[in-house]
PDB file of all heavy atoms in Angstrom:
ATOM      1  N   SER A   1      17.958   2.519 -33.140  1.00  0.00           N
ATOM      2  CA  SER A   1      18.627   3.794 -32.844  1.00  0.00           C
ATOM      3  C   SER A   1      17.702   4.786 -32.176  1.00  0.00           C
ATOM      4  O   SER A   1      16.561   4.722 -32.350  1.00  0.00           O
ATOM      5  CB  SER A   1      19.322   4.516 -34.056  1.00  0.00           C
ATOM      6  OG  SER A   1      20.178   3.548 -34.719  1.00  0.00           O
ATOM      7  N   LYS A   2      18.285   5.706 -31.478  1.00  0.00           N
ATOM      8  CA  LYS A   2      17.585   6.863 -30.851  1.00  0.00           C
ATOM      9  C   LYS A   2      16.883   7.573 -31.971  1.00  0.00           C
ATOM     10  O   LYS A   2      17.455   7.868 -33.001  1.00  0.00           O
ATOM     11  CB  LYS A   2      18.545   7.723 -30.142  1.00  0.00           C
ATOM     12  CG  LYS A   2      17.924   9.012 -29.488  1.00  0.00           C
ATOM     13  CD  LYS A   2      18.989   9.837 -28.871  1.00  0.00           C
ATOM     14  CE  LYS A   2      18.342  11.049 -28.218  1.00  0.00           C
ATOM     15  NZ  LYS A   2      19.365  11.911 -27.526  1.00  0.00           N
ATOM     16  N   GLY A   3      15.554   7.910 -31.775  1.00  0.00           N
ATOM     17  CA  GLY A   3      14.669   8.574 -32.742  1.00  0.00           C
ATOM     18  C   GLY A   3      13.917   7.724 -33.626  1.00  0.00           C
ATOM     19  O   GLY A   3      12.975   8.162 -34.287  1.00  0.00           O
ATOM     20  N   ASP A   4      14.259   6.367 -33.625  1.00  0.00           N
ATOM     21  CA  ASP A   4      13.402   5.421 -34.387  1.00  0.00           C
ATOM     22  C   ASP A   4      12.009   5.260 -33.770  1.00  0.00           C
ATOM     23  O   ASP A   4      11.819   5.499 -32.517  1.00  0.00           O
ATOM     24  CB  ASP A   4      14.017   4.070 -34.515  1.00  0.00           C
ATOM     25  CG  ASP A   4      15.338   4.043 -35.355  1.00  0.00           C
ATOM     26  OD1 ASP A   4      15.471   5.059 -36.085  1.00  0.00           O
ATOM     27  OD2 ASP A   4      16.069   3.104 -35.253  1.00  0.00           O
ATOM     28  N   THR A   5      11.045   4.852 -34.504  1.00  0.00           N
ATOM     29  CA  THR A   5       9.730   4.428 -33.941  1.00  0.00           C
ATOM     30  C   THR A   5       9.595   2.921 -34.213  1.00  0.00           C
ATOM     31  O   THR A   5       9.636   2.476 -35.402  1.00  0.00           O
ATOM     32  CB  THR A   5       8.504   5.168 -34.501  1.00  0.00           C
ATOM     33  OG1 THR A   5       8.694   6.541 -34.227  1.00  0.00           O
ATOM     34  CG2 THR A   5       7.189   4.659 -33.996  1.00  0.00           C
ATOM     35  N   ILE A   6       9.335   2.162 -33.156  1.00  0.00           N
ATOM     36  CA  ILE A   6       9.119   0.730 -33.315  1.00  0.00           C
ATOM     37  C   ILE A   6       7.704   0.414 -32.851  1.00  0.00           C
ATOM     38  O   ILE A   6       7.055   1.139 -32.088  1.00  0.00           O
ATOM     39  CB  ILE A   6      10.158  -0.094 -32.497  1.00  0.00           C
ATOM     40  CG1 ILE A   6      10.057   0.207 -31.032  1.00  0.00           C
ATOM     41  CG2 ILE A   6      11.604   0.177 -33.050  1.00  0.00           C
ATOM     42  CD1 ILE A   6      10.935  -0.741 -30.172  1.00  0.00           C
ATOM     43  N   TYR A   7       7.106  -0.756 -33.253  1.00  0.00           N
ATOM     44  CA  TYR A   7       5.874  -1.132 -32.922  1.00  0.00           C
ATOM     45  C   TYR A   7       5.971  -2.453 -32.220  1.00  0.00           C
ATOM     46  O   TYR A   7       6.613  -3.411 -32.697  1.00  0.00           O
ATOM     47  CB  TYR A   7       4.969  -1.308 -34.178  1.00  0.00           C
ATOM     48  CG  TYR A   7       4.702   0.097 -34.854  1.00  0.00           C
ATOM     49  CD1 TYR A   7       5.665   0.545 -35.776  1.00  0.00           C
ATOM     50  CD2 TYR A   7       3.552   0.825 -34.548  1.00  0.00           C
ATOM     51  CE1 TYR A   7       5.489   1.752 -36.350  1.00  0.00           C
ATOM     52  CE2 TYR A   7       3.413   2.041 -35.166  1.00  0.00           C
ATOM     53  CZ  TYR A   7       4.419   2.534 -36.023  1.00  0.00           C
ATOM     54  OH  TYR A   7       4.173   3.818 -36.604  1.00  0.00           O
ATOM     55  N   VAL A   8       5.279  -2.645 -31.045  1.00  0.00           N
ATOM     56  CA  VAL A   8       5.443  -3.846 -30.304  1.00  0.00           C
ATOM     57  C   VAL A   8       4.077  -4.386 -29.807  1.00  0.00           C
ATOM     58  O   VAL A   8       3.163  -3.627 -29.635  1.00  0.00           O
ATOM     59  CB  VAL A   8       6.321  -3.612 -29.032  1.00  0.00           C
ATOM     60  CG1 VAL A   8       7.732  -3.267 -29.399  1.00  0.00           C
ATOM     61  CG2 VAL A   8       5.734  -2.537 -28.114  1.00  0.00           C
ATOM     62  N   THR A   9       4.106  -5.706 -29.690  1.00  0.00           N
ATOM     63  CA  THR A   9       2.908  -6.395 -29.038  1.00  0.00           C
ATOM     64  C   THR A   9       3.432  -7.603 -28.274  1.00  0.00           C
ATOM     65  O   THR A   9       4.671  -7.675 -28.054  1.00  0.00           O
ATOM     66  CB  THR A   9       1.858  -6.895 -30.114  1.00  0.00           C
ATOM     67  OG1 THR A   9       0.718  -7.395 -29.463  1.00  0.00           O
ATOM     68  CG2 THR A   9       2.487  -7.961 -31.009  1.00  0.00           C
ATOM     69  N   THR A  10       2.621  -8.478 -27.818  1.00  0.00           N
ATOM     70  CA  THR A  10       3.084  -9.536 -26.953  1.00  0.00           C
ATOM     71  C   THR A  10       2.111 -10.672 -27.071  1.00  0.00           C
ATOM     72  O   THR A  10       1.186 -10.705 -27.781  1.00  0.00           O
ATOM     73  CB  THR A  10       3.235  -9.113 -25.519  1.00  0.00           C
ATOM     74  OG1 THR A  10       3.851 -10.092 -24.758  1.00  0.00           O
ATOM     75  CG2 THR A  10       1.918  -8.815 -24.889  1.00  0.00           C
ATOM     76  N   GLU A  11       2.383 -11.832 -26.366  1.00  0.00           N
ATOM     77  CA  GLU A  11       1.600 -13.059 -26.323  1.00  0.00           C
ATOM     78  C   GLU A  11       0.731 -13.061 -25.110  1.00  0.00           C
ATOM     79  O   GLU A  11       1.167 -12.598 -24.002  1.00  0.00           O
ATOM     80  CB  GLU A  11       2.383 -14.261 -26.365  1.00  0.00           C
ATOM     81  CG  GLU A  11       3.320 -14.325 -27.597  1.00  0.00           C
ATOM     82  CD  GLU A  11       2.609 -14.311 -28.958  1.00  0.00           C
ATOM     83  OE1 GLU A  11       1.443 -14.793 -28.948  1.00  0.00           O
ATOM     84  OE2 GLU A  11       3.213 -13.859 -29.870  1.00  0.00           O
ATOM     85  N   PRO A  12      -0.588 -13.631 -25.111  1.00  0.00           N
ATOM     86  CA  PRO A  12      -1.473 -13.511 -23.969  1.00  0.00           C
ATOM     87  C   PRO A  12      -0.660 -14.182 -22.755  1.00  0.00           C
ATOM     88  O   PRO A  12      -0.937 -13.642 -21.585  1.00  0.00           O
ATOM     89  CB  PRO A  12      -2.644 -14.434 -24.385  1.00  0.00           C
ATOM     90  CG  PRO A  12      -2.612 -14.276 -25.827  1.00  0.00           C
ATOM     91  CD  PRO A  12      -1.179 -14.192 -26.298  1.00  0.00           C
ATOM     92  N   GLY A  13       0.002 -15.297 -22.891  1.00  0.00           N
ATOM     93  CA  GLY A  13       0.732 -15.879 -21.758  1.00  0.00           C
ATOM     94  C   GLY A  13       1.780 -15.065 -21.063  1.00  0.00           C
ATOM     95  O   GLY A  13       2.230 -15.383 -19.912  1.00  0.00           O
ATOM     96  N   ASP A  14       2.191 -14.047 -21.754  1.00  0.00           N
ATOM     97  CA  ASP A  14       3.239 -13.173 -21.234  1.00  0.00           C
ATOM     98  C   ASP A  14       2.710 -11.920 -20.559  1.00  0.00           C
ATOM     99  O   ASP A  14       3.558 -11.043 -20.136  1.00  0.00           O
ATOM    100  CB  ASP A  14       4.311 -12.809 -22.327  1.00  0.00           C
ATOM    101  CG  ASP A  14       5.014 -13.915 -22.853  1.00  0.00           C
ATOM    102  OD1 ASP A  14       5.295 -14.896 -22.065  1.00  0.00           O
ATOM    103  OD2 ASP A  14       5.389 -14.045 -24.054  1.00  0.00           O
ATOM    104  N   VAL A  15       1.437 -11.710 -20.435  1.00  0.00           N
ATOM    105  CA  VAL A  15       0.825 -10.576 -19.945  1.00  0.00           C
ATOM    106  C   VAL A  15       0.371 -10.824 -18.472  1.00  0.00           C
ATOM    107  O   VAL A  15      -0.389 -11.765 -18.266  1.00  0.00           O
ATOM    108  CB  VAL A  15      -0.369 -10.047 -20.752  1.00  0.00           C
ATOM    109  CG1 VAL A  15      -0.879  -8.737 -20.139  1.00  0.00           C
ATOM    110  CG2 VAL A  15       0.167  -9.760 -22.166  1.00  0.00           C
ATOM    111  N   HIS A  16       0.801  -9.993 -17.524  1.00  0.00           N
ATOM    112  CA  HIS A  16       0.325 -10.055 -16.090  1.00  0.00           C
ATOM    113  C   HIS A  16      -0.820  -9.159 -16.019  1.00  0.00           C
ATOM    114  O   HIS A  16      -0.679  -7.910 -16.442  1.00  0.00           O
ATOM    115  CB  HIS A  16       1.471  -9.763 -15.108  1.00  0.00           C
ATOM    116  CG  HIS A  16       2.759 -10.594 -15.333  1.00  0.00           C
ATOM    117  ND1 HIS A  16       2.950 -11.653 -14.574  1.00  0.00           N
ATOM    118  CD2 HIS A  16       3.738 -10.541 -16.194  1.00  0.00           C
ATOM    119  CE1 HIS A  16       4.088 -12.156 -14.894  1.00  0.00           C
ATOM    120  NE2 HIS A  16       4.611 -11.543 -15.933  1.00  0.00           N
ATOM    121  N   VAL A  17      -1.936  -9.455 -15.462  1.00  0.00           N
ATOM    122  CA  VAL A  17      -3.109  -8.664 -15.359  1.00  0.00           C
ATOM    123  C   VAL A  17      -3.463  -8.425 -13.865  1.00  0.00           C
ATOM    124  O   VAL A  17      -3.547  -9.388 -13.087  1.00  0.00           O
ATOM    125  CB  VAL A  17      -4.311  -9.325 -16.104  1.00  0.00           C
ATOM    126  CG1 VAL A  17      -5.475  -8.368 -16.065  1.00  0.00           C
ATOM    127  CG2 VAL A  17      -3.920  -9.690 -17.498  1.00  0.00           C
ATOM    128  N   PHE A  18      -3.665  -7.111 -13.567  1.00  0.00           N
ATOM    129  CA  PHE A  18      -3.972  -6.783 -12.202  1.00  0.00           C
ATOM    130  C   PHE A  18      -5.140  -5.838 -12.191  1.00  0.00           C
ATOM    131  O   PHE A  18      -5.481  -5.140 -13.111  1.00  0.00           O
ATOM    132  CB  PHE A  18      -2.767  -5.997 -11.572  1.00  0.00           C
ATOM    133  CG  PHE A  18      -1.550  -6.688 -11.663  1.00  0.00           C
ATOM    134  CD1 PHE A  18      -0.622  -6.478 -12.779  1.00  0.00           C
ATOM    135  CD2 PHE A  18      -1.087  -7.518 -10.584  1.00  0.00           C
ATOM    136  CE1 PHE A  18       0.607  -7.245 -12.778  1.00  0.00           C
ATOM    137  CE2 PHE A  18       0.083  -8.127 -10.655  1.00  0.00           C
ATOM    138  CZ  PHE A  18       1.007  -8.046 -11.766  1.00  0.00           C
ATOM    139  N   ASP A  19      -5.964  -5.922 -11.116  1.00  0.00           N
ATOM    140  CA  ASP A  19      -7.099  -5.067 -10.876  1.00  0.00           C
ATOM    141  C   ASP A  19      -6.531  -3.709 -10.525  1.00  0.00           C
ATOM    142  O   ASP A  19      -5.823  -3.570  -9.530  1.00  0.00           O
ATOM    143  CB  ASP A  19      -8.003  -5.580  -9.808  1.00  0.00           C
ATOM    144  CG  ASP A  19      -9.104  -4.694  -9.573  1.00  0.00           C
ATOM    145  OD1 ASP A  19     -10.144  -4.670 -10.381  1.00  0.00           O
ATOM    146  OD2 ASP A  19      -9.177  -3.876  -8.586  1.00  0.00           O
ATOM    147  N   THR A  20      -6.858  -2.668 -11.255  1.00  0.00           N
ATOM    148  CA  THR A  20      -6.302  -1.364 -10.970  1.00  0.00           C
ATOM    149  C   THR A  20      -6.665  -0.816  -9.588  1.00  0.00           C
ATOM    150  O   THR A  20      -5.917  -0.191  -8.994  1.00  0.00           O
ATOM    151  CB  THR A  20      -6.702  -0.349 -12.094  1.00  0.00           C
ATOM    152  OG1 THR A  20      -6.291  -0.846 -13.413  1.00  0.00           O
ATOM    153  CG2 THR A  20      -6.114   1.016 -11.813  1.00  0.00           C
ATOM    154  N   ALA A  21      -7.856  -0.970  -9.262  1.00  0.00           N
ATOM    155  CA  ALA A  21      -8.415  -0.467  -7.936  1.00  0.00           C
ATOM    156  C   ALA A  21      -7.685  -1.012  -6.677  1.00  0.00           C
ATOM    157  O   ALA A  21      -7.223  -0.390  -5.846  1.00  0.00           O
ATOM    158  CB  ALA A  21      -9.876  -0.591  -7.728  1.00  0.00           C
ATOM    159  N   SER A  22      -7.652  -2.423  -6.683  1.00  0.00           N
ATOM    160  CA  SER A  22      -7.109  -3.101  -5.523  1.00  0.00           C
ATOM    161  C   SER A  22      -5.611  -3.406  -5.678  1.00  0.00           C
ATOM    162  O   SER A  22      -4.900  -3.633  -4.764  1.00  0.00           O
ATOM    163  CB  SER A  22      -7.833  -4.473  -5.349  1.00  0.00           C
ATOM    164  OG  SER A  22      -7.529  -5.339  -6.469  1.00  0.00           O
ATOM    165  N   GLY A  23      -5.178  -3.452  -6.878  1.00  0.00           N
ATOM    166  CA  GLY A  23      -3.733  -3.703  -7.211  1.00  0.00           C
ATOM    167  C   GLY A  23      -3.384  -5.248  -7.208  1.00  0.00           C
ATOM    168  O   GLY A  23      -2.272  -5.688  -7.415  1.00  0.00           O
ATOM    169  N   LEU A  24      -4.395  -6.079  -6.981  1.00  0.00           N
ATOM    170  CA  LEU A  24      -4.242  -7.518  -6.888  1.00  0.00           C
ATOM    171  C   LEU A  24      -4.207  -8.121  -8.287  1.00  0.00           C
ATOM    172  O   LEU A  24      -4.923  -7.740  -9.241  1.00  0.00           O
ATOM    173  CB  LEU A  24      -5.338  -8.128  -6.002  1.00  0.00           C
ATOM    174  CG  LEU A  24      -5.337  -7.664  -4.594  1.00  0.00           C
ATOM    175  CD1 LEU A  24      -6.514  -8.346  -3.832  1.00  0.00           C
ATOM    176  CD2 LEU A  24      -4.061  -7.992  -3.893  1.00  0.00           C
ATOM    177  N   ARG A  25      -3.485  -9.224  -8.299  1.00  0.00           N
ATOM    178  CA  ARG A  25      -3.337  -9.993  -9.580  1.00  0.00           C
ATOM    179  C   ARG A  25      -4.750 -10.649  -9.992  1.00  0.00           C
ATOM    180  O   ARG A  25      -5.455 -11.166  -8.997  1.00  0.00           O
ATOM    181  CB  ARG A  25      -2.311 -11.117  -9.402  1.00  0.00           C
ATOM    182  CG  ARG A  25      -2.011 -11.961 -10.652  1.00  0.00           C
ATOM    183  CD  ARG A  25      -1.019 -13.039 -10.440  1.00  0.00           C
ATOM    184  NE  ARG A  25      -0.587 -13.700 -11.592  1.00  0.00           N
ATOM    185  CZ  ARG A  25       0.293 -13.344 -12.438  1.00  0.00           C
ATOM    186  NH1 ARG A  25       1.012 -12.300 -12.101  1.00  0.00           N
ATOM    187  NH2 ARG A  25       0.527 -14.007 -13.616  1.00  0.00           N
TER     188      ARG A  25
END
């Protein structure tokens, strides 16, 4: 519900990683 606080994480294979400066994967 609105107002709740939830805690989330993920799995390594589900994370897309990009270089912040160039924007490339």
